[in-house]
Amino acid sequence: MSTFFLCTALFLCFLMLASLYRAIFGPTVLDRLVGVNAIGSKTVILLLLIGFLYGRVEMFIDIALAYAFLNFITVLAASRYFHKRKGLYEESFLE
């Protein structure tokens, strides 16, 4: 069973790389925010898989919940900041 969790965690890391590409090279700020939020959500699941691998799920659930709450608040604050700045839907400066 630990082989299944390990393979799932490695596949999830690969998916995080795809989200990282969107977070870095997204054409708009909104695409970058969605990419960062996707990375945070995948990190929560990765923490739970690590808990299953080590056999200490009860400890890693607390860490994952705290990280999920922090991820939610951070993305909410960043989107509110960019919305007030009127830069949420504009093109990026890197192109």
PDB file of N, CA and C in Angstrom:
ATOM      1  N   MET A   1       0.814  -1.190   0.000  1.00  0.00           N
ATOM      2  CA  MET A   1       0.000   0.000   0.000  1.00  0.00           C
ATOM      3  C   MET A   1       0.864   1.262   0.000  1.00  0.00           C
ATOM      4  N   SER A   2       2.039   1.193   0.641  1.00  0.00           N
ATOM      5  CA  SER A   2       2.898   2.373   0.665  1.00  0.00           C
ATOM      6  C   SER A   2       3.457   2.677  -0.726  1.00  0.00           C
ATOM      7  N   THR A   3       3.592   1.674  -1.576  1.00  0.00           N
ATOM      8  CA  THR A   3       4.043   1.909  -2.950  1.00  0.00           C
ATOM      9  C   THR A   3       3.015   2.726  -3.715  1.00  0.00           C
ATOM     10  N   PHE A   4       1.740   2.443  -3.480  1.00  0.00           N
ATOM     11  CA  PHE A   4       0.671   3.212  -4.124  1.00  0.00           C
ATOM     12  C   PHE A   4       0.723   4.675  -3.694  1.00  0.00           C
ATOM     13  N   PHE A   5       0.889   4.912  -2.377  1.00  0.00           N
ATOM     14  CA  PHE A   5       0.943   6.289  -1.880  1.00  0.00           C
ATOM     15  C   PHE A   5       2.177   7.008  -2.395  1.00  0.00           C
ATOM     16  N   LEU A   6       3.286   6.307  -2.507  1.00  0.00           N
ATOM     17  CA  LEU A   6       4.509   6.911  -3.017  1.00  0.00           C
ATOM     18  C   LEU A   6       4.372   7.283  -4.489  1.00  0.00           C
ATOM     19  N   CYS A   7       3.806   6.396  -5.292  1.00  0.00           N
ATOM     20  CA  CYS A   7       3.596   6.689  -6.713  1.00  0.00           C
ATOM     21  C   CYS A   7       2.606   7.833  -6.897  1.00  0.00           C
ATOM     22  N   THR A   8       1.573   7.857  -6.079  1.00  0.00           N
ATOM     23  CA  THR A   8       0.603   8.952  -6.150  1.00  0.00           C
ATOM     24  C   THR A   8       1.248  10.274  -5.769  1.00  0.00           C
ATOM     25  N   ALA A   9       2.110  10.269  -4.758  1.00  0.00           N
ATOM     26  CA  ALA A   9       2.798  11.492  -4.346  1.00  0.00           C
ATOM     27  C   ALA A   9       3.752  11.985  -5.430  1.00  0.00           C
ATOM     28  N   LEU A  10       4.436  11.083  -6.087  1.00  0.00           N
ATOM     29  CA  LEU A  10       5.336  11.486  -7.175  1.00  0.00           C
ATOM     30  C   LEU A  10       4.561  12.046  -8.365  1.00  0.00           C
ATOM     31  N   PHE A  11       3.427  11.449  -8.682  1.00  0.00           N
ATOM     32  CA  PHE A  11       2.590  11.970  -9.762  1.00  0.00           C
ATOM     33  C   PHE A  11       2.036  13.343  -9.398  1.00  0.00           C
ATOM     34  N   LEU A  12       1.702  13.529  -8.135  1.00  0.00           N
ATOM     35  CA  LEU A  12       1.201  14.823  -7.673  1.00  0.00           C
ATOM     36  C   LEU A  12       2.291  15.888  -7.768  1.00  0.00           C
ATOM     37  N   CYS A  13       3.535  15.504  -7.504  1.00  0.00           N
ATOM     38  CA  CYS A  13       4.651  16.447  -7.669  1.00  0.00           C
ATOM     39  C   CYS A  13       4.815  16.846  -9.129  1.00  0.00           C
ATOM     40  N   PHE A  14       4.613  15.906 -10.028  1.00  0.00           N
ATOM     41  CA  PHE A  14       4.664  16.234 -11.458  1.00  0.00           C
ATOM     42  C   PHE A  14       3.546  17.220 -11.825  1.00  0.00           C
ATOM     43  N   LEU A  15       2.355  17.012 -11.283  1.00  0.00           N
ATOM     44  CA  LEU A  15       1.255  17.942 -11.540  1.00  0.00           C
ATOM     45  C   LEU A  15       1.524  19.318 -10.941  1.00  0.00           C
ATOM     46  N   MET A  16       2.250  19.343  -9.835  1.00  0.00           N
ATOM     47  CA  MET A  16       2.614  20.631  -9.242  1.00  0.00           C
ATOM     48  C   MET A  16       3.575  21.396 -10.142  1.00  0.00           C
ATOM     49  N   LEU A  17       4.410  20.692 -10.874  1.00  0.00           N
ATOM     50  CA  LEU A  17       5.300  21.360 -11.823  1.00  0.00           C
ATOM     51  C   LEU A  17       4.508  22.009 -12.952  1.00  0.00           C
ATOM     52  N   ALA A  18       3.441  21.352 -13.391  1.00  0.00           N
ATOM     53  CA  ALA A  18       2.591  21.943 -14.426  1.00  0.00           C
ATOM     54  C   ALA A  18       1.899  23.196 -13.902  1.00  0.00           C
ATOM     55  N   SER A  19       1.467  23.168 -12.655  1.00  0.00           N
ATOM     56  CA  SER A  19       0.847  24.352 -12.055  1.00  0.00           C
ATOM     57  C   SER A  19       1.876  25.458 -11.826  1.00  0.00           C
ATOM     58  N   LEU A  20       3.112  25.061 -11.535  1.00  0.00           N
ATOM     59  CA  LEU A  20       4.175  26.043 -11.363  1.00  0.00           C
ATOM     60  C   LEU A  20       4.462  26.776 -12.671  1.00  0.00           C
ATOM     61  N   TYR A  21       4.379  26.055 -13.771  1.00  0.00           N
ATOM     62  CA  TYR A  21       4.550  26.703 -15.080  1.00  0.00           C
ATOM     63  C   TYR A  21       3.487  27.778 -15.290  1.00  0.00           C
ATOM     64  N   ARG A  22       2.236  27.476 -14.929  1.00  0.00           N
ATOM     65  CA  ARG A  22       1.160  28.450 -15.080  1.00  0.00           C
ATOM     66  C   ARG A  22       1.344  29.616 -14.117  1.00  0.00           C
ATOM     67  N   ALA A  23       1.882  29.348 -12.938  1.00  0.00           N
ATOM     68  CA  ALA A  23       2.084  30.422 -11.960  1.00  0.00           C
ATOM     69  C   ALA A  23       3.219  31.360 -12.381  1.00  0.00           C
ATOM     70  N   ILE A  24       4.201  30.846 -13.090  1.00  0.00           N
ATOM     71  CA  ILE A  24       5.318  31.693 -13.504  1.00  0.00           C
ATOM     72  C   ILE A  24       5.034  32.380 -14.833  1.00  0.00           C
ATOM     73  N   PHE A  25       4.535  31.649 -15.809  1.00  0.00           N
ATOM     74  CA  PHE A  25       4.378  32.179 -17.154  1.00  0.00           C
ATOM     75  C   PHE A  25       2.940  32.503 -17.521  1.00  0.00           C
ATOM     76  N   GLY A  26       2.068  32.656 -16.535  1.00  0.00           N
ATOM     77  CA  GLY A  26       0.673  32.974 -16.836  1.00  0.00           C
ATOM     78  C   GLY A  26       0.558  34.319 -17.521  1.00  0.00           C
ATOM     79  N   PRO A  27      -0.307  34.436 -18.497  1.00  0.00           N
ATOM     80  CA  PRO A  27      -0.393  35.719 -19.200  1.00  0.00           C
ATOM     81  C   PRO A  27      -1.003  36.836 -18.349  1.00  0.00           C
ATOM     82  N   THR A  28      -1.835  36.509 -17.381  1.00  0.00           N
ATOM     83  CA  THR A  28      -2.439  37.541 -16.532  1.00  0.00           C
ATOM     84  C   THR A  28      -2.166  37.216 -15.067  1.00  0.00           C
ATOM     85  N   VAL A  29      -2.441  38.193 -14.232  1.00  0.00           N
ATOM     86  CA  VAL A  29      -2.262  38.003 -12.798  1.00  0.00           C
ATOM     87  C   VAL A  29      -3.246  36.959 -12.284  1.00  0.00           C
ATOM     88  N   LEU A  30      -4.428  36.922 -12.844  1.00  0.00           N
ATOM     89  CA  LEU A  30      -5.428  35.951 -12.420  1.00  0.00           C
ATOM     90  C   LEU A  30      -4.965  34.520 -12.697  1.00  0.00           C
ATOM     91  N   ASP A  31      -4.324  34.300 -13.836  1.00  0.00           N
ATOM     92  CA  ASP A  31      -3.766  32.972 -14.124  1.00  0.00           C
ATOM     93  C   ASP A  31      -2.687  32.594 -13.122  1.00  0.00           C
ATOM     94  N   ARG A  32      -1.882  33.556 -12.735  1.00  0.00           N
ATOM     95  CA  ARG A  32      -0.838  33.279 -11.741  1.00  0.00           C
ATOM     96  C   ARG A  32      -1.435  32.942 -10.389  1.00  0.00           C
ATOM     97  N   LEU A  33      -2.478  33.657 -10.001  1.00  0.00           N
ATOM     98  CA  LEU A  33      -3.139  33.364  -8.723  1.00  0.00           C
ATOM     99  C   LEU A  33      -3.768  31.975  -8.718  1.00  0.00           C
ATOM    100  N   VAL A  34      -4.375  31.598  -9.821  1.00  0.00           N
ATOM    101  CA  VAL A  34      -4.967  30.264  -9.908  1.00  0.00           C
ATOM    102  C   VAL A  34      -3.872  29.198  -9.853  1.00  0.00           C
ATOM    103  N   GLY A  35      -2.742  29.455 -10.495  1.00  0.00           N
ATOM    104  CA  GLY A  35      -1.632  28.509 -10.441  1.00  0.00           C
ATOM    105  C   GLY A  35      -1.084  28.343  -9.036  1.00  0.00           C
ATOM    106  N   VAL A  36      -0.944  29.443  -8.315  1.00  0.00           N
ATOM    107  CA  VAL A  36      -0.442  29.372  -6.941  1.00  0.00           C
ATOM    108  C   VAL A  36      -1.451  28.669  -6.042  1.00  0.00           C
ATOM    109  N   ASN A  37      -2.734  28.925  -6.245  1.00  0.00           N
ATOM    110  CA  ASN A  37      -3.767  28.257  -5.458  1.00  0.00           C
ATOM    111  C   ASN A  37      -3.788  26.757  -5.746  1.00  0.00           C
ATOM    112  N   ALA A  38      -3.591  26.373  -6.984  1.00  0.00           N
ATOM    113  CA  ALA A  38      -3.546  24.949  -7.330  1.00  0.00           C
ATOM    114  C   ALA A  38      -2.347  24.262  -6.683  1.00  0.00           C
ATOM    115  N   ILE A  39      -1.210  24.953  -6.643  1.00  0.00           N
ATOM    116  CA  ILE A  39      -0.039  24.391  -5.977  1.00  0.00           C
ATOM    117  C   ILE A  39      -0.318  24.200  -4.492  1.00  0.00           C
ATOM    118  N   GLY A  40      -0.973  25.172  -3.872  1.00  0.00           N
ATOM    119  CA  GLY A  40      -1.303  25.056  -2.458  1.00  0.00           C
ATOM    120  C   GLY A  40      -2.255  23.918  -2.164  1.00  0.00           C
ATOM    121  N   SER A  41      -3.238  23.729  -3.031  1.00  0.00           N
ATOM    122  CA  SER A  41      -4.188  22.630  -2.836  1.00  0.00           C
ATOM    123  C   SER A  41      -3.511  21.271  -3.004  1.00  0.00           C
ATOM    124  N   LYS A  42      -2.642  21.176  -3.968  1.00  0.00           N
ATOM    125  CA  LYS A  42      -1.907  19.921  -4.172  1.00  0.00           C
ATOM    126  C   LYS A  42      -0.936  19.654  -3.033  1.00  0.00           C
ATOM    127  N   THR A  43      -0.408  20.706  -2.427  1.00  0.00           N
ATOM    128  CA  THR A  43       0.487  20.543  -1.291  1.00  0.00           C
ATOM    129  C   THR A  43      -0.250  19.966  -0.092  1.00  0.00           C
ATOM    130  N   VAL A  44      -1.502  20.374   0.104  1.00  0.00           N
ATOM    131  CA  VAL A  44      -2.303  19.827   1.196  1.00  0.00           C
ATOM    132  C   VAL A  44      -2.486  18.319   1.017  1.00  0.00           C
ATOM    133  N   ILE A  45      -2.801  17.903  -0.189  1.00  0.00           N
ATOM    134  CA  ILE A  45      -2.967  16.476  -0.460  1.00  0.00           C
ATOM    135  C   ILE A  45      -1.638  15.741  -0.319  1.00  0.00           C
ATOM    136  N   LEU A  46      -0.560  16.387  -0.744  1.00  0.00           N
ATOM    137  CA  LEU A  46       0.766  15.773  -0.602  1.00  0.00           C
ATOM    138  C   LEU A  46       1.127  15.594   0.870  1.00  0.00           C
ATOM    139  N   LEU A  47       0.780  16.542   1.712  1.00  0.00           N
ATOM    140  CA  LEU A  47       1.024  16.393   3.146  1.00  0.00           C
ATOM    141  C   LEU A  47       0.253  15.204   3.720  1.00  0.00           C
ATOM    142  N   LEU A  48      -0.978  15.026   3.274  1.00  0.00           N
ATOM    143  CA  LEU A  48      -1.751  13.874   3.749  1.00  0.00           C
ATOM    144  C   LEU A  48      -1.151  12.556   3.269  1.00  0.00           C
ATOM    145  N   LEU A  49      -0.658  12.528   2.035  1.00  0.00           N
ATOM    146  CA  LEU A  49      -0.008  11.312   1.540  1.00  0.00           C
ATOM    147  C   LEU A  49       1.271  11.006   2.312  1.00  0.00           C
ATOM    148  N   ILE A  50       2.013  12.038   2.685  1.00  0.00           N
ATOM    149  CA  ILE A  50       3.207  11.831   3.499  1.00  0.00           C
ATOM    150  C   ILE A  50       2.813  11.272   4.861  1.00  0.00           C
ATOM    151  N   GLY A  51       1.694  11.756   5.398  1.00  0.00           N
ATOM    152  CA  GLY A  51       1.196  11.214   6.667  1.00  0.00           C
ATOM    153  C   GLY A  51       0.859   9.739   6.563  1.00  0.00           C
ATOM    154  N   PHE A  52       0.265   9.335   5.439  1.00  0.00           N
ATOM    155  CA  PHE A  52      -0.026   7.912   5.238  1.00  0.00           C
ATOM    156  C   PHE A  52       1.255   7.092   5.091  1.00  0.00           C
ATOM    157  N   LEU A  53       2.252   7.663   4.420  1.00  0.00           N
ATOM    158  CA  LEU A  53       3.513   6.940   4.237  1.00  0.00           C
ATOM    159  C   LEU A  53       4.235   6.719   5.567  1.00  0.00           C
ATOM    160  N   TYR A  54       4.214   7.712   6.438  1.00  0.00           N
ATOM    161  CA  TYR A  54       4.887   7.588   7.734  1.00  0.00           C
ATOM    162  C   TYR A  54       4.030   6.941   8.804  1.00  0.00           C
ATOM    163  N   GLY A  55       2.748   6.767   8.533  1.00  0.00           N
ATOM    164  CA  GLY A  55       1.862   6.162   9.514  1.00  0.00           C
ATOM    165  C   GLY A  55       1.461   7.105  10.629  1.00  0.00           C
ATOM    166  N   ARG A  56       1.590   8.407  10.399  1.00  0.00           N
ATOM    167  CA  ARG A  56       1.246   9.422  11.395  1.00  0.00           C
ATOM    168  C   ARG A  56       0.228  10.395  10.798  1.00  0.00           C
ATOM    169  N   VAL A  57      -0.891   9.881  10.356  1.00  0.00           N
ATOM    170  CA  VAL A  57      -1.886  10.691   9.661  1.00  0.00           C
ATOM    171  C   VAL A  57      -2.447  11.767  10.577  1.00  0.00           C
ATOM    172  N   GLU A  58      -2.647  11.451  11.858  1.00  0.00           N
ATOM    173  CA  GLU A  58      -3.267  12.412  12.763  1.00  0.00           C
ATOM    174  C   GLU A  58      -2.417  13.669  12.934  1.00  0.00           C
ATOM    175  N   MET A  59      -1.098  13.547  12.854  1.00  0.00           N
ATOM    176  CA  MET A  59      -0.234  14.715  12.959  1.00  0.00           C
ATOM    177  C   MET A  59      -0.259  15.529  11.665  1.00  0.00           C
ATOM    178  N   PHE A  60      -0.221  14.847  10.529  1.00  0.00           N
ATOM    179  CA  PHE A  60      -0.159  15.542   9.255  1.00  0.00           C
ATOM    180  C   PHE A  60      -1.499  16.153   8.859  1.00  0.00           C
ATOM    181  N   ILE A  61      -2.603  15.680   9.414  1.00  0.00           N
ATOM    182  CA  ILE A  61      -3.900  16.312   9.144  1.00  0.00           C
ATOM    183  C   ILE A  61      -3.918  17.713   9.726  1.00  0.00           C
ATOM    184  N   ASP A  62      -3.385  17.886  10.927  1.00  0.00           N
ATOM    185  CA  ASP A  62      -3.332  19.211  11.535  1.00  0.00           C
ATOM    186  C   ASP A  62      -2.467  20.165  10.717  1.00  0.00           C
ATOM    187  N   ILE A  63      -1.334  19.676  10.258  1.00  0.00           N
ATOM    188  CA  ILE A  63      -0.448  20.508   9.441  1.00  0.00           C
ATOM    189  C   ILE A  63      -1.116  20.859   8.118  1.00  0.00           C
ATOM    190  N   ALA A  64      -1.784  19.889   7.506  1.00  0.00           N
ATOM    191  CA  ALA A  64      -2.447  20.134   6.228  1.00  0.00           C
ATOM    192  C   ALA A  64      -3.603  21.121   6.366  1.00  0.00           C
ATOM    193  N   LEU A  65      -4.362  21.017   7.444  1.00  0.00           N
ATOM    194  CA  LEU A  65      -5.451  21.968   7.664  1.00  0.00           C
ATOM    195  C   LEU A  65      -4.939  23.387   7.881  1.00  0.00           C
ATOM    196  N   ALA A  66      -3.861  23.518   8.638  1.00  0.00           N
ATOM    197  CA  ALA A  66      -3.276  24.841   8.848  1.00  0.00           C
ATOM    198  C   ALA A  66      -2.747  25.415   7.535  1.00  0.00           C
ATOM    199  N   TYR A  67      -2.107  24.577   6.725  1.00  0.00           N
ATOM    200  CA  TYR A  67      -1.590  25.050   5.447  1.00  0.00           C
ATOM    201  C   TYR A  67      -2.727  25.408   4.486  1.00  0.00           C
ATOM    202  N   ALA A  68      -3.801  24.646   4.494  1.00  0.00           N
ATOM    203  CA  ALA A  68      -4.942  24.950   3.629  1.00  0.00           C
ATOM    204  C   ALA A  68      -5.570  26.285   4.015  1.00  0.00           C
ATOM    205  N   PHE A  69      -5.701  26.531   5.308  1.00  0.00           N
ATOM    206  CA  PHE A  69      -6.253  27.800   5.762  1.00  0.00           C
ATOM    207  C   PHE A  69      -5.344  28.956   5.371  1.00  0.00           C
ATOM    208  N   LEU A  70      -4.041  28.786   5.543  1.00  0.00           N
ATOM    209  CA  LEU A  70      -3.084  29.824   5.164  1.00  0.00           C
ATOM    210  C   LEU A  70      -3.104  30.072   3.658  1.00  0.00           C
ATOM    211  N   ASN A  71      -3.212  29.017   2.867  1.00  0.00           N
ATOM    212  CA  ASN A  71      -3.282  29.144   1.412  1.00  0.00           C
ATOM    213  C   ASN A  71      -4.539  29.904   1.002  1.00  0.00           C
ATOM    214  N   PHE A  72      -5.663  29.586   1.616  1.00  0.00           N
ATOM    215  CA  PHE A  72      -6.919  30.247   1.289  1.00  0.00           C
ATOM    216  C   PHE A  72      -6.859  31.735   1.618  1.00  0.00           C
ATOM    217  N   ILE A  73      -6.365  32.068   2.787  1.00  0.00           N
ATOM    218  CA  ILE A  73      -6.293  33.470   3.202  1.00  0.00           C
ATOM    219  C   ILE A  73      -5.322  34.249   2.312  1.00  0.00           C
ATOM    220  N   THR A  74      -4.207  33.638   1.956  1.00  0.00           N
ATOM    221  CA  THR A  74      -3.217  34.313   1.118  1.00  0.00           C
ATOM    222  C   THR A  74      -3.762  34.606  -0.273  1.00  0.00           C
ATOM    223  N   VAL A  75      -4.396  33.631  -0.898  1.00  0.00           N
ATOM    224  CA  VAL A  75      -4.938  33.845  -2.241  1.00  0.00           C
ATOM    225  C   VAL A  75      -6.098  34.840  -2.197  1.00  0.00           C
ATOM    226  N   LEU A  76      -6.898  34.789  -1.155  1.00  0.00           N
ATOM    227  CA  LEU A  76      -7.988  35.745  -1.003  1.00  0.00           C
ATOM    228  C   LEU A  76      -7.455  37.163  -0.840  1.00  0.00           C
ATOM    229  N   ALA A  77      -6.431  37.340  -0.031  1.00  0.00           N
ATOM    230  CA  ALA A  77      -5.845  38.663   0.170  1.00  0.00           C
ATOM    231  C   ALA A  77      -5.177  39.178  -1.099  1.00  0.00           C
ATOM    232  N   ALA A  78      -4.477  38.305  -1.809  1.00  0.00           N
ATOM    233  CA  ALA A  78      -3.810  38.732  -3.042  1.00  0.00           C
ATOM    234  C   ALA A  78      -4.829  39.103  -4.119  1.00  0.00           C
ATOM    235  N   SER A  79      -5.889  38.324  -4.241  1.00  0.00           N
ATOM    236  CA  SER A  79      -6.891  38.652  -5.256  1.00  0.00           C
ATOM    237  C   SER A  79      -7.630  39.944  -4.900  1.00  0.00           C
ATOM    238  N   ARG A  80      -7.870  40.178  -3.625  1.00  0.00           N
ATOM    239  CA  ARG A  80      -8.510  41.437  -3.214  1.00  0.00           C
ATOM    240  C   ARG A  80      -7.582  42.626  -3.482  1.00  0.00           C
ATOM    241  N   TYR A  81      -6.286  42.444  -3.221  1.00  0.00           N
ATOM    242  CA  TYR A  81      -5.322  43.504  -3.483  1.00  0.00           C
ATOM    243  C   TYR A  81      -5.277  43.854  -4.964  1.00  0.00           C
ATOM    244  N   PHE A  82      -5.185  42.851  -5.822  1.00  0.00           N
ATOM    245  CA  PHE A  82      -5.104  43.121  -7.254  1.00  0.00           C
ATOM    246  C   PHE A  82      -6.422  43.627  -7.809  1.00  0.00           C
ATOM    247  N   HIS A  83      -7.526  43.238  -7.203  1.00  0.00           N
ATOM    248  CA  HIS A  83      -8.821  43.746  -7.648  1.00  0.00           C
ATOM    249  C   HIS A  83      -8.950  45.234  -7.321  1.00  0.00           C
ATOM    250  N   LYS A  84      -8.499  45.643  -6.146  1.00  0.00           N
ATOM    251  CA  LYS A  84      -8.548  47.054  -5.784  1.00  0.00           C
ATOM    252  C   LYS A  84      -7.563  47.874  -6.594  1.00  0.00           C
ATOM    253  N   ARG A  85      -6.466  47.263  -6.990  1.00  0.00           N
ATOM    254  CA  ARG A  85      -5.478  47.950  -7.806  1.00  0.00           C
ATOM    255  C   ARG A  85      -5.882  47.994  -9.275  1.00  0.00           C
ATOM    256  N   LYS A  86      -6.933  47.316  -9.634  1.00  0.00           N
ATOM    257  CA  LYS A  86      -7.440  47.213 -11.007  1.00  0.00           C
ATOM    258  C   LYS A  86      -6.424  46.575 -11.937  1.00  0.00           C
ATOM    259  N   GLY A  87      -5.629  45.657 -11.414  1.00  0.00           N
ATOM    260  CA  GLY A  87      -4.630  44.998 -12.239  1.00  0.00           C
ATOM    261  C   GLY A  87      -4.873  43.507 -12.362  1.00  0.00           C
ATOM    262  N   LEU A  88      -6.070  43.052 -12.030  1.00  0.00           N
ATOM    263  CA  LEU A  88      -6.330  41.629 -12.006  1.00  0.00           C
ATOM    264  C   LEU A  88      -6.476  41.049 -13.408  1.00  0.00           C
ATOM    265  N   TYR A  89      -7.030  41.796 -14.315  1.00  0.00           N
ATOM    266  CA  TYR A  89      -7.299  41.262 -15.649  1.00  0.00           C
ATOM    267  C   TYR A  89      -6.394  41.854 -16.718  1.00  0.00           C
ATOM    268  N   GLU A  90      -5.430  42.662 -16.332  1.00  0.00           N
ATOM    269  CA  GLU A  90      -4.526  43.270 -17.313  1.00  0.00           C
ATOM    270  C   GLU A  90      -3.422  42.297 -17.702  1.00  0.00           C
ATOM    271  N   GLU A  91      -2.794  42.586 -18.833  1.00  0.00           N
ATOM    272  CA  GLU A  91      -1.691  41.747 -19.289  1.00  0.00           C
ATOM    273  C   GLU A  91      -0.473  41.974 -18.399  1.00  0.00           C
ATOM    274  N   SER A  92       0.409  41.004 -18.391  1.00  0.00           N
ATOM    275  CA  SER A  92       1.583  41.108 -17.518  1.00  0.00           C
ATOM    276  C   SER A  92       2.641  41.996 -18.143  1.00  0.00           C
ATOM    277  N   PHE A  93       3.613  42.371 -17.338  1.00  0.00           N
ATOM    278  CA  PHE A  93       4.698  43.226 -17.795  1.00  0.00           C
ATOM    279  C   PHE A  93       5.863  42.437 -18.364  1.00  0.00           C
ATOM    280  N   LEU A  94       5.883  41.133 -18.198  1.00  0.00           N
ATOM    281  CA  LEU A  94       7.025  40.321 -18.599  1.00  0.00           C
ATOM    282  C   LEU A  94       7.066  40.035 -20.092  1.00  0.00           C
ATOM    283  N   GLU A  95       6.014  40.236 -20.800  1.00  0.00           N
ATOM    284  CA  GLU A  95       5.997  39.876 -22.219  1.00  0.00           C
ATOM    285  C   GLU A  95       6.517  40.986 -23.085  1.00  0.00           C
TER     286      GLU A  95
END
